[in-house]
Amino acid sequence: MITGIGLLVVFTISIAVLLLLIIKFKLNPFIALLMTAILTGFLVRMPVDEVSSTISKGFGNTLAGIGIVIGLGIIFGNILAESRATEAIARGLLKRTGDNKAALAVTVAGFLISIPVFMDAAFVIMMPIVKYVAKATKKSLLVFVTALGVGTIVGHAVVIPTPGPLAVAANVNANVGYFILYSLIVAIPAVLVAGWLYGKSFNALPAYQFDEKDEKAYEEAQKNVHELPSFGLSMGTLLLPILLILVANIILTAVSPEAPIVPFVKFIGDKNIALLIGILVAFMALRKYLKKTLSNIVLESADSAGLILLITGAGGAFGSVINGSGIGAYLVDSMSTLNVPIILLGFVLSGVLRVSQGSTTVAIVTTSSILGAAIAGTGVSPILVGLAICAGGVGLSLPNDSGFWVLSRFSGISVNDTLKTWTAGGTIAGLVVFAMVMLLSALNSLVGLPGL
């Protein structure tokens, strides 16, 4: 097989071909990733029979670690959305903050809702309410679009059980519990700085004017509001699986490995079991608010999960070829020679893929697949590298990103305003997440942080 600088040339060609297939030829990322993986194997002169076996092994190993939890996460999110628990959380936060801090409430609500629910669903749920809040507070709609957009993209790109960061944690072999803990630590400042504080820069713009279409949408959203689940029940249901994983990791850190409670805590804190418990509790607690049976929700979730699983698996297959050929190790070694930390490499590579082809999930899954196997030899915490990769996927959203048009369409703002709010706000958020990751890295070097 090829060695040395030739590996870097092949890697460059592979990334260029991947972007060309997705952007120019509009191929689905699943097909594009598989085709690029095959081409990469041939270019590095990997034996033909090893190309297919390496791809199959990478695909299978990736889904073996996260396939179940991705499916469970989507079912969990759909239960919350169908029962309108997500809407109850948004309304509850707005009620508790009042008009002066309404934008803060929108930011936090968008962040929380996008952890279990896809970003486009969060916009459908929230935009009629957000427009009404803009009218009631006599502020520019851009203030609240920024708050909602930043909140949702940070939750979507950084926090488990969203499929993207879940795949990243698996690819870099990170402890899921600690990944969740540190993802919250780096995400919350980003949401506040880019969603709330940056959003305030639009306060000087003219107040939002409701039109007839907005009025109808708000009236529709107000129907049967009295039938919503309570804020406490909705929030508790949302946080239950996350808390199970976090608390289990805290207990396991505090007790002896031989303690009798350890097997039980490991079982309850396993990501698959925690999410399954979350689904069962959510279904029982929110059953009277659901208009669909659990079977129907599972079937609909399977439709959503299918393509995500295929793309995630294909990303793992591409990463398997990259690492099996020696490209991954050579790339890390080359960057080390140039004194480029692997944390920075993960952030930059993820950002390049994000701005080039648009999809956050494709960017962070592909990057983590490429770098995952090489992290162990660097001595750097896989959690920090994984979070840096997620940070690279937060910002730089351009019109080649479907999320760009989701925000623009549902909010009714222009492309220029979408760039100011969603693109700029998300990019600031991604930089803040990365800055927080670097701060954690520095603190870990000085005092040693748990789990890192």
Protein backbone atom coordinates (compact mmCIF):
# COMPACT_ATOMS: atom_id res chain seq x y z
CA MET A 1 0.00 0.00 0.00
CA ILE A 2 1.00 3.63 -0.39
CA THR A 3 2.97 5.22 2.47
CA GLY A 4 4.31 8.64 3.39
CA ILE A 5 3.19 11.83 1.70
CA GLY A 6 1.16 9.85 -0.80
CA LEU A 7 -1.35 9.11 1.97
CA LEU A 8 -1.95 12.82 2.45
CA VAL A 9 -2.48 13.25 -1.30
CA VAL A 10 -5.03 10.41 -1.32
CA PHE A 11 -6.80 11.90 1.68
CA THR A 12 -7.07 15.27 -0.06
CA ILE A 13 -8.44 13.63 -3.19
CA SER A 14 -10.92 11.58 -1.16
CA ILE A 15 -12.35 14.61 0.64
CA ALA A 16 -12.58 16.52 -2.66
CA VAL A 17 -14.41 13.62 -4.32
CA LEU A 18 -16.80 13.28 -1.36
CA LEU A 19 -17.72 16.96 -1.56
CA LEU A 20 -18.02 16.81 -5.35
CA LEU A 21 -20.43 13.87 -5.17
CA ILE A 22 -22.63 15.56 -2.58
CA ILE A 23 -22.52 19.15 -3.84
CA LYS A 24 -22.15 18.85 -7.61
CA PHE A 25 -23.91 15.56 -8.33
CA LYS A 26 -26.41 15.82 -5.46
CA LEU A 27 -25.80 12.24 -4.35
CA ASN A 28 -27.22 11.19 -1.01
CA PRO A 29 -24.41 11.24 1.62
CA PHE A 30 -24.87 7.49 2.23
CA ILE A 31 -24.02 6.60 -1.38
CA ALA A 32 -21.35 9.32 -1.60
CA LEU A 33 -19.56 8.07 1.53
CA LEU A 34 -19.56 4.45 0.34
CA MET A 35 -18.29 5.39 -3.12
CA THR A 36 -15.55 7.55 -1.60
CA ALA A 37 -14.56 4.75 0.78
CA ILE A 38 -14.16 2.34 -2.16
CA LEU A 39 -12.17 4.90 -4.18
CA THR A 40 -9.90 5.61 -1.20
CA GLY A 41 -9.19 1.91 -0.77
CA PHE A 42 -8.22 1.58 -4.42
CA LEU A 43 -6.07 4.74 -4.38
CA VAL A 44 -3.98 3.52 -1.44
CA ARG A 45 -3.62 0.16 -3.23
CA MET A 46 -5.41 -1.78 -0.55
CA PRO A 47 -6.01 -5.41 -1.66
CA VAL A 48 -9.39 -5.60 -3.43
CA ASP A 49 -10.83 -8.18 -1.06
CA GLU A 50 -9.80 -6.04 1.93
CA VAL A 51 -11.61 -2.96 0.60
CA SER A 52 -15.05 -4.55 0.86
CA SER A 53 -14.32 -6.31 4.16
CA THR A 54 -12.93 -3.10 5.71
CA ILE A 55 -16.03 -1.17 4.63
CA SER A 56 -18.37 -3.84 6.00
CA LYS A 57 -16.45 -4.04 9.26
CA GLY A 58 -16.45 -0.26 9.72
CA PHE A 59 -20.16 -0.02 8.95
CA GLY A 60 -21.04 -2.85 11.34
CA ASN A 61 -18.78 -1.71 14.18
CA THR A 62 -20.18 1.81 14.05
CA LEU A 63 -23.82 0.73 14.19
CA ALA A 64 -23.08 -1.96 16.79
CA GLY A 65 -22.20 0.78 19.24
CA ILE A 66 -24.92 3.31 18.49
CA GLY A 67 -27.57 1.76 16.24
CA ILE A 68 -29.98 0.88 19.06
CA VAL A 69 -29.59 4.16 20.90
CA ILE A 70 -30.18 6.23 17.73
CA GLY A 71 -33.45 4.41 17.17
CA LEU A 72 -34.45 4.79 20.82
CA GLY A 73 -33.51 8.48 20.80
CA ILE A 74 -35.74 9.20 17.81
CA ILE A 75 -38.67 7.32 19.38
CA PHE A 76 -38.16 9.25 22.62
CA GLY A 77 -38.14 12.57 20.77
CA ASN A 78 -41.27 11.68 18.81
CA ILE A 79 -43.15 10.81 22.01
CA LEU A 80 -42.27 14.23 23.45
CA ALA A 81 -43.30 15.98 20.24
CA GLU A 82 -46.55 14.04 19.73
CA SER A 83 -47.63 14.61 23.34
CA ARG A 84 -46.77 18.33 22.95
CA ALA A 85 -44.43 18.08 25.94
CA THR A 86 -41.88 20.05 23.92
CA GLU A 87 -44.43 22.84 23.45
CA ALA A 88 -45.23 22.74 27.17
CA ILE A 89 -41.53 23.24 27.95
CA ALA A 90 -41.30 26.24 25.61
CA ARG A 91 -44.45 27.87 27.00
CA GLY A 92 -43.42 27.13 30.57
CA LEU A 93 -40.03 28.78 30.17
CA LEU A 94 -41.58 31.86 28.51
CA LYS A 95 -44.13 32.15 31.31
CA ARG A 96 -41.43 32.04 33.97
CA THR A 97 -39.08 34.62 32.46
CA GLY A 98 -41.51 37.37 31.44
CA ASP A 99 -41.14 39.82 28.57
CA ASN A 100 -37.76 41.24 29.59
CA LYS A 101 -35.99 37.90 29.31
CA ALA A 102 -38.22 36.29 26.70
CA ALA A 103 -35.28 35.87 24.31
CA LEU A 104 -33.38 33.98 27.00
CA ALA A 105 -36.35 31.66 27.45
CA VAL A 106 -36.55 31.05 23.68
CA THR A 107 -32.83 30.24 23.57
CA VAL A 108 -33.03 27.76 26.45
CA ALA A 109 -36.24 26.21 25.10
CA GLY A 110 -34.71 25.74 21.64
CA PHE A 111 -31.62 24.16 23.19
CA LEU A 112 -33.57 21.72 25.36
CA ILE A 113 -36.12 20.77 22.72
CA SER A 114 -33.50 20.09 20.03
CA ILE A 115 -31.70 17.52 22.20
CA PRO A 116 -34.37 14.83 21.65
CA VAL A 117 -36.27 16.42 18.72
CA PHE A 118 -34.94 17.28 15.26
CA MET A 119 -34.29 20.94 14.54
CA ASP A 120 -36.98 21.32 11.87
CA ALA A 121 -39.60 19.95 14.27
CA ALA A 122 -38.46 22.43 16.91
CA PHE A 123 -39.05 25.29 14.46
CA VAL A 124 -42.51 24.06 13.53
CA ILE A 125 -43.44 23.85 17.19
CA MET A 126 -41.95 27.15 18.28
CA MET A 127 -42.24 29.70 15.47
CA PRO A 128 -45.94 30.68 15.99
CA ILE A 129 -45.21 31.21 19.69
CA VAL A 130 -41.95 33.05 18.95
CA LYS A 131 -43.67 35.43 16.53
CA TYR A 132 -46.34 36.19 19.11
CA VAL A 133 -43.66 36.88 21.74
CA ALA A 134 -41.92 39.27 19.32
CA LYS A 135 -45.22 41.09 18.82
CA ALA A 136 -46.02 41.21 22.55
CA THR A 137 -42.56 42.48 23.53
CA LYS A 138 -42.45 44.98 20.63
CA LYS A 139 -39.03 43.72 19.57
CA SER A 140 -37.56 42.71 16.24
CA LEU A 141 -38.30 39.14 15.17
CA LEU A 142 -34.57 38.72 14.47
CA VAL A 143 -33.87 38.82 18.21
CA PHE A 144 -35.93 35.69 18.71
CA VAL A 145 -34.96 33.94 15.48
CA THR A 146 -31.34 34.22 16.59
CA ALA A 147 -32.23 32.88 20.03
CA LEU A 148 -34.15 29.93 18.62
CA GLY A 149 -31.71 29.17 15.80
CA VAL A 150 -28.63 29.14 18.01
CA GLY A 151 -30.36 27.17 20.76
CA THR A 152 -31.48 24.45 18.36
CA ILE A 153 -28.23 24.06 16.41
CA VAL A 154 -26.09 23.80 19.56
CA GLY A 155 -28.39 21.18 21.06
CA HIS A 156 -28.50 19.35 17.72
CA ALA A 157 -24.73 19.31 17.18
CA VAL A 158 -23.30 18.90 20.67
CA VAL A 159 -25.56 17.07 23.13
CA ILE A 160 -26.46 13.36 23.26
CA PRO A 161 -28.94 11.70 22.48
CA THR A 162 -28.96 13.63 19.21
CA PRO A 163 -27.62 11.13 16.59
CA GLY A 164 -24.64 13.27 15.45
CA PRO A 165 -22.86 13.73 18.79
CA LEU A 166 -23.87 10.21 19.77
CA ALA A 167 -21.98 8.88 16.74
CA VAL A 168 -19.03 11.12 17.57
CA ALA A 169 -18.83 9.76 21.13
CA ALA A 170 -18.87 6.20 19.79
CA ASN A 171 -16.29 6.88 17.06
CA VAL A 172 -13.80 8.47 19.45
CA ASN A 173 -14.51 5.80 22.09
CA ALA A 174 -15.62 8.31 24.73
CA ASN A 175 -17.54 7.59 27.92
CA VAL A 176 -21.11 8.68 27.14
CA GLY A 177 -21.88 9.92 30.64
CA TYR A 178 -18.88 12.21 30.83
CA PHE A 179 -19.44 13.25 27.23
CA ILE A 180 -22.93 14.47 28.19
CA LEU A 181 -21.59 16.25 31.27
CA TYR A 182 -18.88 18.15 29.43
CA SER A 183 -21.09 18.78 26.41
CA LEU A 184 -23.49 20.67 28.68
CA ILE A 185 -20.58 22.60 30.21
CA VAL A 186 -19.35 23.78 26.80
CA ALA A 187 -22.77 24.21 25.20
CA ILE A 188 -24.54 26.39 27.77
CA PRO A 189 -22.10 29.35 27.52
CA ALA A 190 -22.29 29.12 23.71
CA VAL A 191 -26.09 29.26 23.79
CA LEU A 192 -26.09 32.24 26.12
CA VAL A 193 -23.39 34.22 24.29
CA ALA A 194 -24.49 33.58 20.70
CA GLY A 195 -28.22 33.04 21.16
CA TRP A 196 -29.12 35.54 23.85
CA LEU A 197 -26.38 38.20 23.97
CA TYR A 198 -25.65 38.32 20.23
CA GLY A 199 -29.39 38.32 19.58
CA LYS A 200 -29.68 41.54 21.59
CA SER A 201 -27.76 43.32 18.82
CA PHE A 202 -31.00 43.27 16.80
CA ASN A 203 -32.99 45.11 19.51
CA ALA A 204 -32.54 48.41 17.71
CA LEU A 205 -34.36 47.14 14.61
CA PRO A 206 -38.08 47.90 14.10
CA ALA A 207 -40.57 45.88 16.11
CA TYR A 208 -42.13 42.86 14.45
CA GLN A 209 -45.50 43.41 12.78
CA PHE A 210 -48.01 40.57 12.92
CA ASP A 211 -49.87 39.83 9.68
CA GLU A 212 -53.00 37.79 9.00
CA LYS A 213 -50.99 34.64 8.29
CA ASP A 214 -49.16 34.97 11.61
CA GLU A 215 -52.45 35.50 13.43
CA LYS A 216 -53.92 32.32 11.98
CA ALA A 217 -50.80 30.33 12.82
CA TYR A 218 -50.82 31.61 16.39
CA GLU A 219 -54.52 30.87 16.80
CA GLU A 220 -53.92 27.32 15.58
CA ALA A 221 -51.05 26.93 18.03
CA GLN A 222 -53.28 28.18 20.85
CA LYS A 223 -55.90 25.50 20.26
CA ASN A 224 -56.24 23.09 23.15
CA VAL A 225 -53.39 24.72 25.09
CA HIS A 226 -55.21 23.70 28.26
CA GLU A 227 -54.64 20.07 27.24
CA LEU A 228 -50.85 20.36 27.31
CA PRO A 229 -48.95 18.31 29.90
CA SER A 230 -47.57 20.32 32.80
CA PHE A 231 -44.21 22.04 32.57
CA GLY A 232 -42.79 19.95 35.43
CA LEU A 233 -43.92 16.65 33.93
CA SER A 234 -42.61 17.59 30.49
CA MET A 235 -39.24 18.79 31.77
CA GLY A 236 -38.83 15.79 34.05
CA THR A 237 -39.59 13.40 31.21
CA LEU A 238 -37.10 15.13 28.91
CA LEU A 239 -34.28 15.08 31.45
CA LEU A 240 -34.83 11.57 32.88
CA PRO A 241 -32.55 9.52 30.55
CA ILE A 242 -29.86 12.20 30.60
CA LEU A 243 -29.90 12.27 34.41
CA LEU A 244 -29.81 8.47 34.62
CA ILE A 245 -26.60 8.39 32.58
CA LEU A 246 -25.02 11.30 34.46
CA VAL A 247 -25.91 10.08 37.95
CA ALA A 248 -24.72 6.57 37.15
CA ASN A 249 -21.32 7.91 36.09
CA ILE A 250 -21.06 10.03 39.24
CA ILE A 251 -21.86 7.01 41.43
CA LEU A 252 -19.39 4.80 39.59
CA THR A 253 -16.70 7.42 40.14
CA ALA A 254 -17.48 7.71 43.85
CA VAL A 255 -17.71 4.02 44.84
CA SER A 256 -15.27 1.13 44.74
CA PRO A 257 -15.35 -1.00 41.56
CA GLU A 258 -16.07 -4.01 43.79
CA ALA A 259 -19.12 -2.41 45.47
CA PRO A 260 -22.28 -4.57 45.18
CA ILE A 261 -24.20 -1.68 43.63
CA VAL A 262 -21.84 -1.31 40.65
CA PRO A 263 -23.44 -3.87 38.28
CA PHE A 264 -26.90 -2.37 38.83
CA VAL A 265 -25.65 1.19 38.35
CA LYS A 266 -23.82 0.21 35.16
CA PHE A 267 -27.02 -1.38 33.85
CA ILE A 268 -29.23 1.62 34.64
CA GLY A 269 -26.64 4.09 33.35
CA ASP A 270 -26.07 2.29 30.04
CA LYS A 271 -27.15 4.61 27.23
CA ASN A 272 -29.48 2.02 25.68
CA ILE A 273 -31.15 1.11 28.96
CA ALA A 274 -31.44 4.75 30.11
CA LEU A 275 -33.18 5.74 26.87
CA LEU A 276 -35.45 2.68 26.96
CA ILE A 277 -36.46 3.61 30.51
CA GLY A 278 -37.02 7.17 29.29
CA ILE A 279 -39.31 5.91 26.52
CA LEU A 280 -41.35 3.71 28.86
CA VAL A 281 -41.72 6.45 31.48
CA ALA A 282 -42.55 9.05 28.82
CA PHE A 283 -45.19 6.82 27.26
CA MET A 284 -46.84 6.03 30.60
CA ALA A 285 -46.62 9.59 31.94
CA LEU A 286 -47.76 11.28 28.72
CA ARG A 287 -50.10 8.59 27.43
CA LYS A 288 -53.29 10.62 27.80
CA TYR A 289 -51.76 13.42 25.71
CA LEU A 290 -50.85 11.14 22.81
CA LYS A 291 -53.18 10.80 19.82
CA LYS A 292 -51.15 7.95 18.35
CA THR A 293 -50.35 4.51 19.68
CA LEU A 294 -46.80 3.64 20.69
CA SER A 295 -46.67 1.20 17.75
CA ASN A 296 -47.47 3.98 15.29
CA ILE A 297 -44.88 6.29 16.85
CA VAL A 298 -42.25 3.54 16.59
CA LEU A 299 -43.12 2.93 12.93
CA GLU A 300 -42.86 6.65 12.10
CA SER A 301 -39.59 6.85 14.02
CA ALA A 302 -38.20 3.97 11.96
CA ASP A 303 -38.69 6.05 8.81
CA SER A 304 -36.65 8.89 10.32
CA ALA A 305 -34.02 6.58 11.78
CA GLY A 306 -33.35 4.63 8.58
CA LEU A 307 -31.42 7.25 6.63
CA ILE A 308 -29.61 8.49 9.76
CA LEU A 309 -28.40 4.96 10.50
CA LEU A 310 -27.26 4.48 6.89
CA ILE A 311 -25.32 7.77 6.84
CA THR A 312 -23.79 7.08 10.25
CA GLY A 313 -22.76 3.58 9.23
CA ALA A 314 -21.34 4.80 5.93
CA GLY A 315 -19.34 7.43 7.79
CA GLY A 316 -17.92 4.64 9.93
CA ALA A 317 -17.11 2.65 6.80
CA PHE A 318 -15.23 5.58 5.27
CA GLY A 319 -13.38 6.13 8.52
CA SER A 320 -12.47 2.44 8.66
CA VAL A 321 -10.82 2.65 5.22
CA ILE A 322 -9.04 5.87 6.19
CA ASN A 323 -7.62 4.25 9.32
CA GLY A 324 -6.99 0.83 7.75
CA SER A 325 -4.89 2.48 5.06
CA GLY A 326 -2.79 4.41 7.57
CA ILE A 327 -4.12 7.81 6.43
CA GLY A 328 -5.56 8.64 9.85
CA ALA A 329 -2.33 7.94 11.73
CA TYR A 330 -0.23 9.76 9.10
CA LEU A 331 -2.54 12.77 9.22
CA VAL A 332 -2.24 13.02 13.01
CA ASP A 333 1.53 12.48 12.91
CA SER A 334 1.90 15.20 10.28
CA MET A 335 -0.13 17.65 12.31
CA SER A 336 1.88 16.77 15.42
CA THR A 337 5.10 17.55 13.55
CA LEU A 338 3.63 20.95 12.68
CA ASN A 339 2.57 21.36 16.34
CA VAL A 340 -1.11 21.37 15.39
CA PRO A 341 -3.06 19.82 18.30
CA ILE A 342 -5.48 17.06 17.38
CA ILE A 343 -8.24 19.04 19.11
CA LEU A 344 -7.70 21.90 16.65
CA LEU A 345 -7.43 19.45 13.75
CA GLY A 346 -10.82 17.95 14.67
CA PHE A 347 -12.44 21.38 14.88
CA VAL A 348 -11.00 22.60 11.56
CA LEU A 349 -11.68 19.42 9.58
CA SER A 350 -15.25 19.25 10.85
CA GLY A 351 -15.76 22.93 10.01
CA VAL A 352 -14.39 22.47 6.49
CA LEU A 353 -16.76 19.57 5.84
CA ARG A 354 -19.66 21.51 7.36
CA VAL A 355 -19.21 24.62 5.22
CA SER A 356 -18.51 22.55 2.11
CA GLN A 357 -21.44 20.14 2.05
CA GLY A 358 -23.88 21.66 4.55
CA SER A 359 -24.87 18.81 6.85
CA THR A 360 -23.77 19.00 10.49
CA THR A 361 -24.32 15.28 11.01
CA VAL A 362 -22.26 14.26 7.96
CA ALA A 363 -19.46 16.65 8.96
CA ILE A 364 -19.06 15.49 12.56
CA VAL A 365 -19.64 11.77 11.88
CA THR A 366 -17.11 11.74 9.03
CA THR A 367 -14.49 13.70 10.98
CA SER A 368 -14.82 11.51 14.07
CA SER A 369 -14.57 8.40 11.88
CA ILE A 370 -11.33 9.70 10.36
CA LEU A 371 -9.67 10.73 13.62
CA GLY A 372 -11.22 8.28 16.07
CA ALA A 373 -8.67 5.48 15.89
CA ALA A 374 -5.70 7.86 16.03
CA ILE A 375 -6.73 9.65 19.23
CA ALA A 376 -5.54 6.92 21.61
CA GLY A 377 -1.92 7.36 20.55
CA THR A 378 -1.93 11.10 21.24
CA GLY A 379 -2.74 10.97 24.93
CA VAL A 380 -5.48 13.60 24.44
CA SER A 381 -8.90 13.05 25.99
CA PRO A 382 -11.27 11.56 23.38
CA ILE A 383 -14.09 13.56 24.98
CA LEU A 384 -12.33 16.86 24.27
CA VAL A 385 -11.50 15.85 20.69
CA GLY A 386 -15.08 14.71 20.18
CA LEU A 387 -16.51 17.98 21.50
CA ALA A 388 -14.10 19.98 19.31
CA ILE A 389 -15.38 18.01 16.32
CA CYS A 390 -18.97 18.82 17.35
CA ALA A 391 -18.02 22.49 17.71
CA GLY A 392 -16.81 22.53 14.12
CA GLY A 393 -20.22 21.34 12.98
CA VAL A 394 -22.18 24.07 14.77
CA GLY A 395 -21.51 27.15 12.66
CA LEU A 396 -20.74 28.12 9.07
CA SER A 397 -24.22 27.23 7.82
CA LEU A 398 -24.69 28.42 4.24
CA PRO A 399 -27.51 27.94 1.69
CA ASN A 400 -26.20 24.41 0.95
CA ASP A 401 -27.47 23.46 4.44
CA SER A 402 -31.12 22.36 4.66
CA GLY A 403 -31.30 23.91 8.13
CA PHE A 404 -30.61 27.32 6.58
CA TRP A 405 -33.81 27.09 4.56
CA VAL A 406 -35.83 25.56 7.40
CA LEU A 407 -35.13 28.61 9.54
CA SER A 408 -35.66 31.06 6.70
CA ARG A 409 -38.92 29.44 5.56
CA PHE A 410 -40.58 28.98 8.93
CA SER A 411 -39.56 32.37 10.28
CA GLY A 412 -40.33 34.20 7.03
CA ILE A 413 -37.10 36.22 7.02
CA SER A 414 -34.88 37.05 4.04
CA VAL A 415 -31.70 35.23 3.04
CA ASN A 416 -29.65 38.22 4.19
CA ASP A 417 -31.33 38.17 7.62
CA THR A 418 -30.86 34.42 7.82
CA LEU A 419 -27.13 34.94 7.30
CA LYS A 420 -27.09 37.57 10.07
CA THR A 421 -29.03 35.49 12.58
CA TRP A 422 -28.56 31.78 11.88
CA THR A 423 -25.18 31.72 10.11
CA ALA A 424 -23.43 34.39 12.18
CA GLY A 425 -25.04 33.32 15.44
CA GLY A 426 -24.23 29.65 14.87
CA THR A 427 -20.63 30.46 13.94
CA ILE A 428 -20.17 32.48 17.13
CA ALA A 429 -21.67 29.59 19.08
CA GLY A 430 -19.28 27.10 17.46
CA LEU A 431 -16.30 29.29 18.35
CA VAL A 432 -17.49 29.61 21.95
CA VAL A 433 -17.92 25.83 22.22
CA PHE A 434 -14.39 25.36 20.90
CA ALA A 435 -13.01 28.00 23.27
CA MET A 436 -14.66 26.17 26.18
CA VAL A 437 -13.13 22.89 24.99
CA MET A 438 -9.69 24.49 24.95
CA LEU A 439 -10.30 25.91 28.44
CA LEU A 440 -11.24 22.44 29.70
CA SER A 441 -8.10 21.05 28.06
CA ALA A 442 -5.95 23.63 29.85
CA LEU A 443 -7.65 22.96 33.19
CA ASN A 444 -7.26 19.23 32.71
CA SER A 445 -3.54 19.68 32.14
CA LEU A 446 -3.23 21.71 35.34
CA VAL A 447 -5.47 19.92 37.83
CA GLY A 448 -6.91 16.83 36.11
CA LEU A 449 -10.65 16.83 35.55
CA PRO A 450 -12.87 13.78 36.20
CA GLY A 451 -13.37 11.58 33.15
CA LEU A 452 -10.79 13.41 31.04
